Structure formats: C-alpha cells, structure tokens
Amino acid sequence: MSSYRPLHDGWTLSAVPGGPADVPAPAIATVAATVPGCVHTDLLAAGLIDDPYLDDNERRPAWIGRTAWAYRTSFA
C-alpha cells in the first residue's frame, strides 16, 4: 500500500552556513516553509523579520538577499 503525501507539505527552510557575517543568529534556525513560496514570507511567518510594509522595515532585512538558503523535505 502506498501512502500519498502532497509535494507542498513538510518543507523547512534554513540559511546555508558560511554566509555573510551580518546574518542575524535567529535566521540560521530551521523554520517551516511554504512551497511554493519565498524566503521572506517564511521568515515573516516564523516571526524572524518584521513586516516589510511598516516603517523602514523594508531596508533592514537586506541580509536576506545576501544569504544562501536551503529548502528541504524528505520522501519515504
């Protein structure tokens, strides 16, 4: 009997080690990810960045674009 799991379930996101020195420590943590999606929305959902539409929050997470990211899941 085979089990069915949607491809968009069970993903995580984490920063790849060895990136820029200015990457905040909480961003290195592994967080739940939405696939399809993007790093910014996953970090926002995890509470690791502030809402980019408020105040000057759009400029503060510039490190996100300088960081390599890995999305992971597993299959049986």
N, C-alpha and C. Protein backbone atom coordinates (compact mmCIF):
# COMPACT_ATOMS: atom_id res chain seq x y z
N MET A 1 0.85 -1.17 0.00
CA MET A 1 0.00 0.00 0.00
C MET A 1 0.90 1.24 0.00
N SER A 2 0.70 2.10 -0.93
CA SER A 2 1.50 3.33 -0.97
C SER A 2 0.75 4.44 -0.26
N SER A 3 1.52 5.31 0.36
CA SER A 3 0.90 6.46 1.03
C SER A 3 1.09 7.69 0.16
N TYR A 4 0.12 8.55 0.23
CA TYR A 4 0.14 9.76 -0.58
C TYR A 4 0.46 10.95 0.31
N ARG A 5 1.40 11.76 -0.12
CA ARG A 5 1.70 12.99 0.60
C ARG A 5 1.85 14.09 -0.45
N PRO A 6 1.10 15.18 -0.33
CA PRO A 6 1.23 16.26 -1.30
C PRO A 6 2.66 16.81 -1.31
N LEU A 7 3.14 17.14 -2.47
CA LEU A 7 4.51 17.62 -2.62
C LEU A 7 4.75 18.93 -1.88
N HIS A 8 3.73 19.71 -1.63
CA HIS A 8 3.91 21.00 -0.98
C HIS A 8 3.92 20.91 0.56
N ASP A 9 3.79 19.74 1.14
CA ASP A 9 3.79 19.57 2.59
C ASP A 9 5.16 19.16 3.12
N GLY A 10 5.46 19.55 4.36
CA GLY A 10 6.64 19.04 5.06
C GLY A 10 7.96 19.72 4.76
N TRP A 11 7.95 20.92 4.21
CA TRP A 11 9.19 21.61 3.85
C TRP A 11 9.72 22.46 5.01
N THR A 12 11.06 22.60 5.06
CA THR A 12 11.70 23.50 6.00
C THR A 12 12.67 24.39 5.24
N LEU A 13 13.04 25.48 5.88
CA LEU A 13 13.95 26.46 5.30
C LEU A 13 15.04 26.77 6.31
N SER A 14 16.27 26.89 5.85
CA SER A 14 17.36 27.32 6.72
C SER A 14 18.43 28.01 5.90
N ALA A 15 19.18 28.89 6.57
CA ALA A 15 20.29 29.56 5.91
C ALA A 15 21.43 28.56 5.76
N VAL A 16 22.15 28.65 4.65
CA VAL A 16 23.29 27.78 4.41
C VAL A 16 24.47 28.34 5.21
N PRO A 17 25.13 27.52 6.04
CA PRO A 17 26.26 28.01 6.83
C PRO A 17 27.37 28.58 5.94
N GLY A 18 28.11 29.54 6.51
CA GLY A 18 29.22 30.13 5.78
C GLY A 18 28.84 31.36 4.99
N GLY A 19 27.67 31.90 5.25
CA GLY A 19 27.21 33.09 4.55
C GLY A 19 27.80 34.36 5.15
N PRO A 20 27.22 35.50 4.83
CA PRO A 20 27.72 36.78 5.32
C PRO A 20 27.72 36.86 6.85
N ALA A 21 28.65 37.60 7.39
CA ALA A 21 28.78 37.73 8.84
C ALA A 21 27.61 38.49 9.46
N ASP A 22 26.89 39.28 8.67
CA ASP A 22 25.82 40.09 9.24
C ASP A 22 24.46 39.39 9.26
N VAL A 23 24.43 38.07 9.04
CA VAL A 23 23.18 37.33 9.11
C VAL A 23 22.81 37.18 10.58
N PRO A 24 21.64 37.66 10.99
CA PRO A 24 21.23 37.53 12.38
C PRO A 24 21.12 36.07 12.81
N ALA A 25 21.52 35.77 14.03
CA ALA A 25 21.52 34.39 14.54
C ALA A 25 20.17 33.68 14.39
N PRO A 26 19.02 34.34 14.67
CA PRO A 26 17.75 33.61 14.54
C PRO A 26 17.47 33.12 13.13
N ALA A 27 18.06 33.77 12.13
CA ALA A 27 17.79 33.36 10.75
C ALA A 27 18.46 32.05 10.40
N ILE A 28 19.42 31.63 11.20
CA ILE A 28 20.10 30.37 10.94
C ILE A 28 19.22 29.19 11.34
N ALA A 29 18.26 29.42 12.21
CA ALA A 29 17.36 28.36 12.67
C ALA A 29 16.57 27.78 11.50
N THR A 30 16.20 26.54 11.63
CA THR A 30 15.33 25.90 10.64
C THR A 30 13.89 26.25 10.97
N VAL A 31 13.16 26.70 9.96
CA VAL A 31 11.76 27.10 10.14
C VAL A 31 10.89 26.36 9.14
N ALA A 32 9.62 26.28 9.43
CA ALA A 32 8.66 25.69 8.50
C ALA A 32 8.59 26.56 7.25
N ALA A 33 8.45 25.92 6.10
CA ALA A 33 8.42 26.65 4.84
C ALA A 33 7.17 26.30 4.05
N THR A 34 6.71 27.26 3.28
CA THR A 34 5.58 27.06 2.37
C THR A 34 6.14 26.94 0.97
N VAL A 35 5.79 25.85 0.29
CA VAL A 35 6.24 25.61 -1.08
C VAL A 35 5.02 25.39 -1.93
N PRO A 36 4.84 26.17 -3.00
CA PRO A 36 5.71 27.26 -3.43
C PRO A 36 5.58 28.46 -2.49
N GLY A 37 6.63 29.24 -2.42
CA GLY A 37 6.67 30.41 -1.56
C GLY A 37 8.00 31.11 -1.72
N CYS A 38 8.36 31.91 -0.72
CA CYS A 38 9.66 32.59 -0.77
C CYS A 38 10.22 32.75 0.63
N VAL A 39 11.51 32.98 0.70
CA VAL A 39 12.22 33.12 1.96
C VAL A 39 11.60 34.20 2.83
N HIS A 40 11.30 35.36 2.24
CA HIS A 40 10.77 36.47 3.01
C HIS A 40 9.47 36.11 3.74
N THR A 41 8.54 35.48 3.04
CA THR A 41 7.27 35.14 3.67
C THR A 41 7.44 34.05 4.73
N ASP A 42 8.37 33.12 4.52
CA ASP A 42 8.61 32.09 5.52
C ASP A 42 9.25 32.68 6.78
N LEU A 43 10.20 33.60 6.62
CA LEU A 43 10.82 34.25 7.79
C LEU A 43 9.81 35.14 8.51
N LEU A 44 8.96 35.81 7.77
CA LEU A 44 7.92 36.64 8.37
C LEU A 44 6.94 35.77 9.18
N ALA A 45 6.51 34.66 8.60
CA ALA A 45 5.58 33.75 9.28
C ALA A 45 6.20 33.17 10.55
N ALA A 46 7.52 32.98 10.55
CA ALA A 46 8.21 32.42 11.72
C ALA A 46 8.52 33.50 12.76
N GLY A 47 8.21 34.76 12.46
CA GLY A 47 8.46 35.84 13.40
C GLY A 47 9.91 36.28 13.46
N LEU A 48 10.70 35.94 12.42
CA LEU A 48 12.12 36.29 12.43
C LEU A 48 12.43 37.63 11.79
N ILE A 49 11.48 38.17 11.03
CA ILE A 49 11.64 39.52 10.49
C ILE A 49 10.35 40.29 10.73
N ASP A 50 10.47 41.61 10.76
CA ASP A 50 9.31 42.47 10.94
C ASP A 50 8.59 42.66 9.61
N ASP A 51 7.34 43.07 9.69
CA ASP A 51 6.53 43.30 8.50
C ASP A 51 7.22 44.32 7.59
N PRO A 52 7.60 43.93 6.36
CA PRO A 52 8.34 44.83 5.48
C PRO A 52 7.52 46.02 4.99
N TYR A 53 6.21 46.00 5.21
CA TYR A 53 5.37 47.11 4.76
C TYR A 53 5.19 48.19 5.82
N LEU A 54 5.83 48.03 6.98
CA LEU A 54 5.73 49.02 8.04
C LEU A 54 7.05 49.77 8.20
N ASP A 55 6.97 51.06 8.41
CA ASP A 55 8.12 51.91 8.70
C ASP A 55 9.26 51.66 7.72
N ASP A 56 10.49 51.53 8.23
CA ASP A 56 11.65 51.29 7.35
C ASP A 56 12.04 49.81 7.34
N ASN A 57 11.11 48.94 7.67
CA ASN A 57 11.40 47.50 7.75
C ASN A 57 11.83 46.90 6.42
N GLU A 58 11.52 47.55 5.33
CA GLU A 58 11.91 47.01 4.02
C GLU A 58 13.42 47.01 3.84
N ARG A 59 14.11 47.99 4.41
CA ARG A 59 15.57 48.08 4.25
C ARG A 59 16.33 47.19 5.21
N ARG A 60 15.80 46.98 6.40
CA ARG A 60 16.53 46.24 7.43
C ARG A 60 16.85 44.79 7.08
N PRO A 61 15.99 44.04 6.42
CA PRO A 61 16.34 42.65 6.12
C PRO A 61 17.12 42.47 4.81
N ALA A 62 17.96 43.43 4.45
CA ALA A 62 18.74 43.33 3.21
C ALA A 62 19.65 42.10 3.22
N TRP A 63 20.02 41.62 4.39
CA TRP A 63 20.88 40.44 4.52
C TRP A 63 20.25 39.20 3.90
N ILE A 64 18.92 39.18 3.80
CA ILE A 64 18.24 38.00 3.25
C ILE A 64 18.69 37.73 1.82
N GLY A 65 18.84 38.78 1.04
CA GLY A 65 19.28 38.62 -0.34
C GLY A 65 20.74 38.25 -0.50
N ARG A 66 21.54 38.44 0.54
CA ARG A 66 22.96 38.09 0.50
C ARG A 66 23.23 36.73 1.13
N THR A 67 22.18 36.03 1.47
CA THR A 67 22.30 34.75 2.15
C THR A 67 21.83 33.63 1.23
N ALA A 68 22.56 32.52 1.24
CA ALA A 68 22.13 31.32 0.51
C ALA A 68 21.15 30.56 1.39
N TRP A 69 20.08 30.08 0.81
CA TRP A 69 19.02 29.40 1.55
C TRP A 69 18.80 27.99 1.02
N ALA A 70 18.42 27.08 1.91
CA ALA A 70 18.13 25.70 1.51
C ALA A 70 16.72 25.33 1.95
N TYR A 71 15.94 24.82 1.02
CA TYR A 71 14.63 24.25 1.31
C TYR A 71 14.83 22.73 1.35
N ARG A 72 14.24 22.09 2.36
CA ARG A 72 14.41 20.64 2.50
C ARG A 72 13.07 19.96 2.81
N THR A 73 12.96 18.74 2.34
CA THR A 73 11.86 17.85 2.71
C THR A 73 12.40 16.43 2.58
N SER A 74 11.61 15.46 2.94
CA SER A 74 12.04 14.06 2.79
C SER A 74 10.91 13.25 2.19
N PHE A 75 11.29 12.17 1.57
CA PHE A 75 10.35 11.26 0.93
C PHE A 75 10.57 9.85 1.45
N ALA A 76 9.51 9.12 1.58
CA ALA A 76 9.61 7.70 2.03
C ALA A 76 9.98 6.84 0.84
